[in-house]
Amino acid sequence: MIRRIYQSLPGPSPVRILAMTLIALLLLAVLLVFYEWLGTTLLDSGGSIG
């Protein structure tokens, strides 16, 4: 699957590697934002400790 995505990107290999890196960083950022939203909306206990 990753190889298929890599081969579908335009340009030479260095450009493809840069594009795949940017895509991976973007997906990681979206995942972290989603986890932060999930933690603050659904999993927050209201600030009590213990």
PDB file of N, CA and C in Angstrom:
ATOM      1  N   MET A   1       0.813  -1.180   0.000  1.00  0.00           N
ATOM      2  CA  MET A   1       0.000   0.000   0.000  1.00  0.00           C
ATOM      3  C   MET A   1       0.867   1.259   0.000  1.00  0.00           C
ATOM      4  N   ILE A   2       1.877   1.305   0.850  1.00  0.00           N
ATOM      5  CA  ILE A   2       2.756   2.465   0.903  1.00  0.00           C
ATOM      6  C   ILE A   2       3.549   2.582  -0.392  1.00  0.00           C
ATOM      7  N   ARG A   3       3.966   1.450  -0.942  1.00  0.00           N
ATOM      8  CA  ARG A   3       4.705   1.466  -2.199  1.00  0.00           C
ATOM      9  C   ARG A   3       3.826   1.986  -3.334  1.00  0.00           C
ATOM     10  N   ARG A   4       2.560   1.623  -3.329  1.00  0.00           N
ATOM     11  CA  ARG A   4       1.628   2.094  -4.352  1.00  0.00           C
ATOM     12  C   ARG A   4       1.425   3.607  -4.258  1.00  0.00           C
ATOM     13  N   ILE A   5       1.300   4.119  -3.030  1.00  0.00           N
ATOM     14  CA  ILE A   5       1.167   5.564  -2.838  1.00  0.00           C
ATOM     15  C   ILE A   5       2.445   6.265  -3.287  1.00  0.00           C
ATOM     16  N   TYR A   6       3.597   5.704  -2.926  1.00  0.00           N
ATOM     17  CA  TYR A   6       4.880   6.296  -3.305  1.00  0.00           C
ATOM     18  C   TYR A   6       5.023   6.366  -4.819  1.00  0.00           C
ATOM     19  N   GLN A   7       4.669   5.299  -5.514  1.00  0.00           N
ATOM     20  CA  GLN A   7       4.813   5.271  -6.963  1.00  0.00           C
ATOM     21  C   GLN A   7       3.799   6.156  -7.677  1.00  0.00           C
ATOM     22  N   SER A   8       2.693   6.489  -7.027  1.00  0.00           N
ATOM     23  CA  SER A   8       1.706   7.351  -7.660  1.00  0.00           C
ATOM     24  C   SER A   8       2.072   8.831  -7.562  1.00  0.00           C
ATOM     25  N   LEU A   9       3.043   9.163  -6.711  1.00  0.00           N
ATOM     26  CA  LEU A   9       3.464  10.556  -6.575  1.00  0.00           C
ATOM     27  C   LEU A   9       4.299  10.975  -7.779  1.00  0.00           C
ATOM     28  N   PRO A  10       4.138  12.234  -8.225  1.00  0.00           N
ATOM     29  CA  PRO A  10       4.929  12.711  -9.367  1.00  0.00           C
ATOM     30  C   PRO A  10       6.331  13.114  -8.943  1.00  0.00           C
ATOM     31  N   GLY A  11       7.235  13.136  -9.899  1.00  0.00           N
ATOM     32  CA  GLY A  11       8.577  13.661  -9.665  1.00  0.00           C
ATOM     33  C   GLY A  11       9.618  12.585  -9.404  1.00  0.00           C
ATOM     34  N   PRO A  12      10.869  13.025  -9.267  1.00  0.00           N
ATOM     35  CA  PRO A  12      11.964  12.094  -8.969  1.00  0.00           C
ATOM     36  C   PRO A  12      11.909  11.609  -7.520  1.00  0.00           C
ATOM     37  N   SER A  13      12.769  10.672  -7.210  1.00  0.00           N
ATOM     38  CA  SER A  13      12.757  10.042  -5.883  1.00  0.00           C
ATOM     39  C   SER A  13      12.910  11.019  -4.715  1.00  0.00           C
ATOM     40  N   PRO A  14      13.823  11.993  -4.754  1.00  0.00           N
ATOM     41  CA  PRO A  14      13.925  12.906  -3.609  1.00  0.00           C
ATOM     42  C   PRO A  14      12.637  13.699  -3.361  1.00  0.00           C
ATOM     43  N   VAL A  15      11.966  14.079  -4.433  1.00  0.00           N
ATOM     44  CA  VAL A  15      10.712  14.810  -4.289  1.00  0.00           C
ATOM     45  C   VAL A  15       9.633  13.898  -3.710  1.00  0.00           C
ATOM     46  N   ARG A  16       9.612  12.656  -4.139  1.00  0.00           N
ATOM     47  CA  ARG A  16       8.647  11.683  -3.614  1.00  0.00           C
ATOM     48  C   ARG A  16       8.876  11.431  -2.134  1.00  0.00           C
ATOM     49  N   ILE A  17      10.129  11.305  -1.738  1.00  0.00           N
ATOM     50  CA  ILE A  17      10.454  11.062  -0.328  1.00  0.00           C
ATOM     51  C   ILE A  17      10.040  12.263   0.514  1.00  0.00           C
ATOM     52  N   LEU A  18      10.294  13.475   0.018  1.00  0.00           N
ATOM     53  CA  LEU A  18       9.885  14.677   0.729  1.00  0.00           C
ATOM     54  C   LEU A  18       8.367  14.746   0.847  1.00  0.00           C
ATOM     55  N   ALA A  19       7.664  14.412  -0.217  1.00  0.00           N
ATOM     56  CA  ALA A  19       6.198  14.428  -0.184  1.00  0.00           C
ATOM     57  C   ALA A  19       5.660  13.391   0.796  1.00  0.00           C
ATOM     58  N   MET A  20       6.220  12.196   0.805  1.00  0.00           N
ATOM     59  CA  MET A  20       5.772  11.160   1.745  1.00  0.00           C
ATOM     60  C   MET A  20       6.043  11.590   3.186  1.00  0.00           C
ATOM     61  N   THR A  21       7.178  12.249   3.427  1.00  0.00           N
ATOM     62  CA  THR A  21       7.488  12.733   4.767  1.00  0.00           C
ATOM     63  C   THR A  21       6.487  13.790   5.208  1.00  0.00           C
ATOM     64  N   LEU A  22       6.159  14.705   4.313  1.00  0.00           N
ATOM     65  CA  LEU A  22       5.187  15.743   4.646  1.00  0.00           C
ATOM     66  C   LEU A  22       3.802  15.149   4.897  1.00  0.00           C
ATOM     67  N   ILE A  23       3.421  14.158   4.109  1.00  0.00           N
ATOM     68  CA  ILE A  23       2.132  13.498   4.312  1.00  0.00           C
ATOM     69  C   ILE A  23       2.102  12.797   5.661  1.00  0.00           C
ATOM     70  N   ALA A  24       3.191  12.114   6.017  1.00  0.00           N
ATOM     71  CA  ALA A  24       3.249  11.409   7.297  1.00  0.00           C
ATOM     72  C   ALA A  24       3.183  12.398   8.461  1.00  0.00           C
ATOM     73  N   LEU A  25       3.880  13.523   8.363  1.00  0.00           N
ATOM     74  CA  LEU A  25       3.830  14.526   9.424  1.00  0.00           C
ATOM     75  C   LEU A  25       2.445  15.142   9.546  1.00  0.00           C
ATOM     76  N   LEU A  26       1.788  15.373   8.432  1.00  0.00           N
ATOM     77  CA  LEU A  26       0.433  15.914   8.455  1.00  0.00           C
ATOM     78  C   LEU A  26      -0.533  14.934   9.117  1.00  0.00           C
ATOM     79  N   LEU A  27      -0.432  13.662   8.771  1.00  0.00           N
ATOM     80  CA  LEU A  27      -1.295  12.649   9.394  1.00  0.00           C
ATOM     81  C   LEU A  27      -1.028  12.541  10.889  1.00  0.00           C
ATOM     82  N   LEU A  28       0.228  12.644  11.296  1.00  0.00           N
ATOM     83  CA  LEU A  28       0.571  12.595  12.713  1.00  0.00           C
ATOM     84  C   LEU A  28      -0.012  13.794  13.451  1.00  0.00           C
ATOM     85  N   ALA A  29       0.062  14.970  12.841  1.00  0.00           N
ATOM     86  CA  ALA A  29      -0.497  16.164  13.473  1.00  0.00           C
ATOM     87  C   ALA A  29      -2.013  16.046  13.613  1.00  0.00           C
ATOM     88  N   VAL A  30      -2.680  15.540  12.586  1.00  0.00           N
ATOM     89  CA  VAL A  30      -4.132  15.361  12.656  1.00  0.00           C
ATOM     90  C   VAL A  30      -4.486  14.345  13.738  1.00  0.00           C
ATOM     91  N   LEU A  31      -3.718  13.278  13.846  1.00  0.00           N
ATOM     92  CA  LEU A  31      -3.963  12.269  14.872  1.00  0.00           C
ATOM     93  C   LEU A  31      -3.784  12.849  16.272  1.00  0.00           C
ATOM     94  N   LEU A  32      -2.758  13.655  16.477  1.00  0.00           N
ATOM     95  CA  LEU A  32      -2.531  14.263  17.787  1.00  0.00           C
ATOM     96  C   LEU A  32      -3.641  15.247  18.145  1.00  0.00           C
ATOM     97  N   VAL A  33      -4.100  16.027  17.172  1.00  0.00           N
ATOM     98  CA  VAL A  33      -5.208  16.952  17.424  1.00  0.00           C
ATOM     99  C   VAL A  33      -6.466  16.177  17.769  1.00  0.00           C
ATOM    100  N   PHE A  34      -6.709  15.084  17.069  1.00  0.00           N
ATOM    101  CA  PHE A  34      -7.876  14.255  17.362  1.00  0.00           C
ATOM    102  C   PHE A  34      -7.804  13.668  18.771  1.00  0.00           C
ATOM    103  N   TYR A  35      -6.635  13.157  19.160  1.00  0.00           N
ATOM    104  CA  TYR A  35      -6.484  12.605  20.509  1.00  0.00           C
ATOM    105  C   TYR A  35      -6.656  13.683  21.578  1.00  0.00           C
ATOM    106  N   GLU A  36      -6.150  14.883  21.306  1.00  0.00           N
ATOM    107  CA  GLU A  36      -6.312  15.976  22.255  1.00  0.00           C
ATOM    108  C   GLU A  36      -7.789  16.337  22.402  1.00  0.00           C
ATOM    109  N   TRP A  37      -8.496  16.420  21.286  1.00  0.00           N
ATOM    110  CA  TRP A  37      -9.928  16.718  21.325  1.00  0.00           C
ATOM    111  C   TRP A  37     -10.686  15.615  22.064  1.00  0.00           C
ATOM    112  N   LEU A  38     -10.351  14.365  21.770  1.00  0.00           N
ATOM    113  CA  LEU A  38     -11.009  13.243  22.421  1.00  0.00           C
ATOM    114  C   LEU A  38     -10.769  13.271  23.925  1.00  0.00           C
ATOM    115  N   GLY A  39      -9.552  13.579  24.322  1.00  0.00           N
ATOM    116  CA  GLY A  39      -9.221  13.617  25.744  1.00  0.00           C
ATOM    117  C   GLY A  39      -9.911  14.744  26.484  1.00  0.00           C
ATOM    118  N   THR A  40     -10.076  15.891  25.835  1.00  0.00           N
ATOM    119  CA  THR A  40     -10.684  17.014  26.534  1.00  0.00           C
ATOM    120  C   THR A  40     -12.204  16.958  26.519  1.00  0.00           C
ATOM    121  N   THR A  41     -12.804  16.302  25.557  1.00  0.00           N
ATOM    122  CA  THR A  41     -14.267  16.285  25.483  1.00  0.00           C
ATOM    123  C   THR A  41     -14.886  15.043  26.122  1.00  0.00           C
ATOM    124  N   LEU A  42     -14.317  13.887  25.866  1.00  0.00           N
ATOM    125  CA  LEU A  42     -14.959  12.653  26.333  1.00  0.00           C
ATOM    126  C   LEU A  42     -14.309  12.047  27.578  1.00  0.00           C
ATOM    127  N   LEU A  43     -13.022  12.239  27.713  1.00  0.00           N
ATOM    128  CA  LEU A  43     -12.296  11.533  28.779  1.00  0.00           C
ATOM    129  C   LEU A  43     -11.925  12.424  29.949  1.00  0.00           C
ATOM    130  N   ASP A  44     -12.242  13.707  29.888  1.00  0.00           N
ATOM    131  CA  ASP A  44     -11.905  14.625  30.980  1.00  0.00           C
ATOM    132  C   ASP A  44     -12.811  14.377  32.172  1.00  0.00           C
ATOM    133  N   SER A  45     -12.222  14.201  33.325  1.00  0.00           N
ATOM    134  CA  SER A  45     -12.993  13.880  34.524  1.00  0.00           C
ATOM    135  C   SER A  45     -13.435  15.137  35.279  1.00  0.00           C
ATOM    136  N   GLY A  46     -13.147  16.296  34.775  1.00  0.00           N
ATOM    137  CA  GLY A  46     -13.549  17.529  35.432  1.00  0.00           C
ATOM    138  C   GLY A  46     -12.482  18.128  36.312  1.00  0.00           C
ATOM    139  N   GLY A  47     -11.272  17.645  36.255  1.00  0.00           N
ATOM    140  CA  GLY A  47     -10.159  18.236  36.979  1.00  0.00           C
ATOM    141  C   GLY A  47      -9.917  17.669  38.353  1.00  0.00           C
ATOM    142  N   SER A  48     -10.646  16.675  38.768  1.00  0.00           N
ATOM    143  CA  SER A  48     -10.396  16.084  40.076  1.00  0.00           C
ATOM    144  C   SER A  48      -9.166  15.170  40.012  1.00  0.00           C
ATOM    145  N   ILE A  49      -8.411  15.206  41.091  1.00  0.00           N
ATOM    146  CA  ILE A  49      -7.195  14.379  41.157  1.00  0.00           C
ATOM    147  C   ILE A  49      -7.468  13.246  42.139  1.00  0.00           C
ATOM    148  N   GLY A  50      -7.152  12.054  41.696  1.00  0.00           N
ATOM    149  CA  GLY A  50      -7.293  10.912  42.583  1.00  0.00           C
ATOM    150  C   GLY A  50      -8.637  10.356  42.490  1.00  0.00           C
TER     151      GLY A  50
END
